[in-house]
Amino acid sequence: MRKDQLEHLIRAAAAITNEYEFVVIGSQAILGAVDNPPPECTVSMEADSIL
């Protein structure tokens, strides 16, 4: 997953839940913490959400 894909998921979740703050945990959290993560850190195509 790329950072723009994660951002899209967060925007969609915000639109559905009317929330504006989310906590990203797990392997995709690196996308918010590092500008250019190594390619092996972007292999996962999943993001979990708990509502």
PDB file of N, CA and C in Angstrom:
ATOM      1  N   MET A   1       0.839  -1.166   0.000  1.00  0.00           N
ATOM      2  CA  MET A   1       0.000   0.000   0.000  1.00  0.00           C
ATOM      3  C   MET A   1       0.888   1.234   0.000  1.00  0.00           C
ATOM      4  N   ARG A   2       0.506   2.175  -0.808  1.00  0.00           N
ATOM      5  CA  ARG A   2       1.223   3.452  -0.843  1.00  0.00           C
ATOM      6  C   ARG A   2       0.553   4.444   0.105  1.00  0.00           C
ATOM      7  N   LYS A   3       1.269   5.507   0.428  1.00  0.00           N
ATOM      8  CA  LYS A   3       0.740   6.518   1.344  1.00  0.00           C
ATOM      9  C   LYS A   3      -0.555   7.121   0.800  1.00  0.00           C
ATOM     10  N   ASP A   4      -0.633   7.386  -0.491  1.00  0.00           N
ATOM     11  CA  ASP A   4      -1.851   7.977  -1.050  1.00  0.00           C
ATOM     12  C   ASP A   4      -3.043   7.022  -0.922  1.00  0.00           C
ATOM     13  N   GLN A   5      -2.791   5.724  -0.977  1.00  0.00           N
ATOM     14  CA  GLN A   5      -3.864   4.749  -0.806  1.00  0.00           C
ATOM     15  C   GLN A   5      -4.360   4.733   0.643  1.00  0.00           C
ATOM     16  N   LEU A   6      -3.440   4.809   1.595  1.00  0.00           N
ATOM     17  CA  LEU A   6      -3.826   4.864   2.995  1.00  0.00           C
ATOM     18  C   LEU A   6      -4.599   6.151   3.274  1.00  0.00           C
ATOM     19  N   GLU A   7      -4.153   7.255   2.719  1.00  0.00           N
ATOM     20  CA  GLU A   7      -4.862   8.521   2.897  1.00  0.00           C
ATOM     21  C   GLU A   7      -6.285   8.431   2.344  1.00  0.00           C
ATOM     22  N   HIS A   8      -6.443   7.760   1.222  1.00  0.00           N
ATOM     23  CA  HIS A   8      -7.772   7.565   0.648  1.00  0.00           C
ATOM     24  C   HIS A   8      -8.663   6.775   1.609  1.00  0.00           C
ATOM     25  N   LEU A   9      -8.133   5.708   2.189  1.00  0.00           N
ATOM     26  CA  LEU A   9      -8.897   4.918   3.147  1.00  0.00           C
ATOM     27  C   LEU A   9      -9.297   5.744   4.362  1.00  0.00           C
ATOM     28  N   ILE A  10      -8.390   6.575   4.827  1.00  0.00           N
ATOM     29  CA  ILE A  10      -8.689   7.409   5.991  1.00  0.00           C
ATOM     30  C   ILE A  10      -9.770   8.434   5.646  1.00  0.00           C
ATOM     31  N   ARG A  11      -9.688   9.031   4.461  1.00  0.00           N
ATOM     32  CA  ARG A  11     -10.732   9.980   4.043  1.00  0.00           C
ATOM     33  C   ARG A  11     -12.085   9.296   3.938  1.00  0.00           C
ATOM     34  N   ALA A  12     -12.109   8.087   3.393  1.00  0.00           N
ATOM     35  CA  ALA A  12     -13.358   7.345   3.272  1.00  0.00           C
ATOM     36  C   ALA A  12     -13.916   7.005   4.654  1.00  0.00           C
ATOM     37  N   ALA A  13     -13.057   6.578   5.559  1.00  0.00           N
ATOM     38  CA  ALA A  13     -13.500   6.274   6.918  1.00  0.00           C
ATOM     39  C   ALA A  13     -14.034   7.521   7.603  1.00  0.00           C
ATOM     40  N   ALA A  14     -13.394   8.650   7.369  1.00  0.00           N
ATOM     41  CA  ALA A  14     -13.857   9.910   7.959  1.00  0.00           C
ATOM     42  C   ALA A  14     -15.234  10.282   7.431  1.00  0.00           C
ATOM     43  N   ALA A  15     -15.458  10.079   6.148  1.00  0.00           N
ATOM     44  CA  ALA A  15     -16.751  10.403   5.552  1.00  0.00           C
ATOM     45  C   ALA A  15     -17.858   9.512   6.114  1.00  0.00           C
ATOM     46  N   ILE A  16     -17.536   8.265   6.381  1.00  0.00           N
ATOM     47  CA  ILE A  16     -18.531   7.315   6.886  1.00  0.00           C
ATOM     48  C   ILE A  16     -18.817   7.543   8.368  1.00  0.00           C
ATOM     49  N   THR A  17     -17.781   7.823   9.141  1.00  0.00           N
ATOM     50  CA  THR A  17     -17.921   7.877  10.596  1.00  0.00           C
ATOM     51  C   THR A  17     -18.072   9.284  11.153  1.00  0.00           C
ATOM     52  N   ASN A  18     -17.821  10.299  10.352  1.00  0.00           N
ATOM     53  CA  ASN A  18     -17.818  11.689  10.808  1.00  0.00           C
ATOM     54  C   ASN A  18     -16.763  11.939  11.885  1.00  0.00           C
ATOM     55  N   GLU A  19     -15.738  11.132  11.902  1.00  0.00           N
ATOM     56  CA  GLU A  19     -14.591  11.325  12.794  1.00  0.00           C
ATOM     57  C   GLU A  19     -13.476  11.960  11.982  1.00  0.00           C
ATOM     58  N   TYR A  20     -12.556  12.627  12.650  1.00  0.00           N
ATOM     59  CA  TYR A  20     -11.460  13.251  11.925  1.00  0.00           C
ATOM     60  C   TYR A  20     -10.087  12.871  12.460  1.00  0.00           C
ATOM     61  N   GLU A  21     -10.039  12.043  13.489  1.00  0.00           N
ATOM     62  CA  GLU A  21      -8.770  11.552  14.008  1.00  0.00           C
ATOM     63  C   GLU A  21      -8.787  10.031  14.008  1.00  0.00           C
ATOM     64  N   PHE A  22      -7.718   9.460  13.501  1.00  0.00           N
ATOM     65  CA  PHE A  22      -7.596   8.007  13.443  1.00  0.00           C
ATOM     66  C   PHE A  22      -6.200   7.619  13.905  1.00  0.00           C
ATOM     67  N   VAL A  23      -6.090   6.433  14.453  1.00  0.00           N
ATOM     68  CA  VAL A  23      -4.800   5.883  14.870  1.00  0.00           C
ATOM     69  C   VAL A  23      -4.488   4.732  13.930  1.00  0.00           C
ATOM     70  N   VAL A  24      -3.345   4.815  13.290  1.00  0.00           N
ATOM     71  CA  VAL A  24      -2.910   3.749  12.386  1.00  0.00           C
ATOM     72  C   VAL A  24      -1.889   2.912  13.142  1.00  0.00           C
ATOM     73  N   ILE A  25      -2.179   1.623  13.243  1.00  0.00           N
ATOM     74  CA  ILE A  25      -1.264   0.711  13.924  1.00  0.00           C
ATOM     75  C   ILE A  25      -0.888  -0.408  12.971  1.00  0.00           C
ATOM     76  N   GLY A  26       0.117  -1.130  13.318  1.00  0.00           N
ATOM     77  CA  GLY A  26       0.555  -2.240  12.487  1.00  0.00           C
ATOM     78  C   GLY A  26       1.518  -1.786  11.402  1.00  0.00           C
ATOM     79  N   SER A  27       1.657  -2.624  10.403  1.00  0.00           N
ATOM     80  CA  SER A  27       2.692  -2.403   9.383  1.00  0.00           C
ATOM     81  C   SER A  27       2.462  -1.144   8.562  1.00  0.00           C
ATOM     82  N   GLN A  28       1.224  -0.702   8.412  1.00  0.00           N
ATOM     83  CA  GLN A  28       0.952   0.478   7.603  1.00  0.00           C
ATOM     84  C   GLN A  28       1.244   1.789   8.334  1.00  0.00           C
ATOM     85  N   ALA A  29       1.489   1.728   9.628  1.00  0.00           N
ATOM     86  CA  ALA A  29       1.790   2.930  10.397  1.00  0.00           C
ATOM     87  C   ALA A  29       3.047   3.629   9.881  1.00  0.00           C
ATOM     88  N   ILE A  30       3.945   2.876   9.282  1.00  0.00           N
ATOM     89  CA  ILE A  30       5.175   3.480   8.766  1.00  0.00           C
ATOM     90  C   ILE A  30       4.875   4.508   7.676  1.00  0.00           C
ATOM     91  N   LEU A  31       3.761   4.354   6.990  1.00  0.00           N
ATOM     92  CA  LEU A  31       3.436   5.282   5.911  1.00  0.00           C
ATOM     93  C   LEU A  31       3.187   6.697   6.429  1.00  0.00           C
ATOM     94  N   GLY A  32       2.763   6.822   7.669  1.00  0.00           N
ATOM     95  CA  GLY A  32       2.564   8.141   8.254  1.00  0.00           C
ATOM     96  C   GLY A  32       3.789   8.680   8.953  1.00  0.00           C
ATOM     97  N   ALA A  33       4.736   7.812   9.246  1.00  0.00           N
ATOM     98  CA  ALA A  33       5.905   8.208  10.026  1.00  0.00           C
ATOM     99  C   ALA A  33       7.142   8.491   9.191  1.00  0.00           C
ATOM    100  N   VAL A  34       7.207   7.942   7.988  1.00  0.00           N
ATOM    101  CA  VAL A  34       8.408   8.046   7.161  1.00  0.00           C
ATOM    102  C   VAL A  34       8.012   8.565   5.781  1.00  0.00           C
ATOM    103  N   ASP A  35       8.744   9.570   5.292  1.00  0.00           N
ATOM    104  CA  ASP A  35       8.412  10.138   3.982  1.00  0.00           C
ATOM    105  C   ASP A  35       8.585   9.142   2.838  1.00  0.00           C
ATOM    106  N   ASN A  36       9.683   8.437   2.833  1.00  0.00           N
ATOM    107  CA  ASN A  36       9.964   7.473   1.770  1.00  0.00           C
ATOM    108  C   ASN A  36      10.346   6.128   2.379  1.00  0.00           C
ATOM    109  N   PRO A  37       9.341   5.345   2.792  1.00  0.00           N
ATOM    110  CA  PRO A  37       9.676   4.058   3.412  1.00  0.00           C
ATOM    111  C   PRO A  37      10.267   3.103   2.390  1.00  0.00           C
ATOM    112  N   PRO A  38      11.087   2.161   2.828  1.00  0.00           N
ATOM    113  CA  PRO A  38      11.648   1.171   1.917  1.00  0.00           C
ATOM    114  C   PRO A  38      10.530   0.368   1.254  1.00  0.00           C
ATOM    115  N   PRO A  39      10.728  -0.074   0.021  1.00  0.00           N
ATOM    116  CA  PRO A  39       9.688  -0.810  -0.697  1.00  0.00           C
ATOM    117  C   PRO A  39       9.149  -2.024   0.050  1.00  0.00           C
ATOM    118  N   GLU A  40       9.997  -2.701   0.812  1.00  0.00           N
ATOM    119  CA  GLU A  40       9.522  -3.882   1.533  1.00  0.00           C
ATOM    120  C   GLU A  40       8.525  -3.516   2.642  1.00  0.00           C
ATOM    121  N   CYS A  41       8.472  -2.254   3.010  1.00  0.00           N
ATOM    122  CA  CYS A  41       7.507  -1.816   4.030  1.00  0.00           C
ATOM    123  C   CYS A  41       6.158  -1.440   3.426  1.00  0.00           C
ATOM    124  N   THR A  42       6.040  -1.491   2.124  1.00  0.00           N
ATOM    125  CA  THR A  42       4.792  -1.102   1.473  1.00  0.00           C
ATOM    126  C   THR A  42       4.133  -2.279   0.754  1.00  0.00           C
ATOM    127  N   VAL A  43       4.532  -3.482   1.093  1.00  0.00           N
ATOM    128  CA  VAL A  43       4.033  -4.675   0.413  1.00  0.00           C
ATOM    129  C   VAL A  43       2.590  -4.989   0.801  1.00  0.00           C
ATOM    130  N   SER A  44       2.233  -4.796   2.057  1.00  0.00           N
ATOM    131  CA  SER A  44       0.899  -5.144   2.514  1.00  0.00           C
ATOM    132  C   SER A  44      -0.164  -4.326   1.800  1.00  0.00           C
ATOM    133  N   MET A  45      -1.245  -4.987   1.396  1.00  0.00           N
ATOM    134  CA  MET A  45      -2.357  -4.299   0.735  1.00  0.00           C
ATOM    135  C   MET A  45      -3.578  -4.237   1.647  1.00  0.00           C
ATOM    136  N   GLU A  46      -3.376  -4.417   2.941  1.00  0.00           N
ATOM    137  CA  GLU A  46      -4.483  -4.442   3.880  1.00  0.00           C
ATOM    138  C   GLU A  46      -4.349  -3.330   4.914  1.00  0.00           C
ATOM    139  N   ALA A  47      -5.505  -2.851   5.332  1.00  0.00           N
ATOM    140  CA  ALA A  47      -5.575  -1.938   6.449  1.00  0.00           C
ATOM    141  C   ALA A  47      -6.813  -2.316   7.243  1.00  0.00           C
ATOM    142  N   ASP A  48      -6.691  -2.414   8.542  1.00  0.00           N
ATOM    143  CA  ASP A  48      -7.813  -2.801   9.387  1.00  0.00           C
ATOM    144  C   ASP A  48      -8.438  -1.561  10.001  1.00  0.00           C
ATOM    145  N   SER A  49      -9.730  -1.648  10.233  1.00  0.00           N
ATOM    146  CA  SER A  49     -10.404  -0.568  10.932  1.00  0.00           C
ATOM    147  C   SER A  49     -11.320  -1.160  11.985  1.00  0.00           C
ATOM    148  N   ILE A  50     -11.464  -0.454  13.080  1.00  0.00           N
ATOM    149  CA  ILE A  50     -12.352  -0.866  14.152  1.00  0.00           C
ATOM    150  C   ILE A  50     -13.278   0.311  14.423  1.00  0.00           C
ATOM    151  N   LEU A  51     -14.543   0.064  14.339  1.00  0.00           N
ATOM    152  CA  LEU A  51     -15.524   1.134  14.586  1.00  0.00           C
ATOM    153  C   LEU A  51     -16.327   0.821  15.818  1.00  0.00           C
TER     154      LEU A  51
END
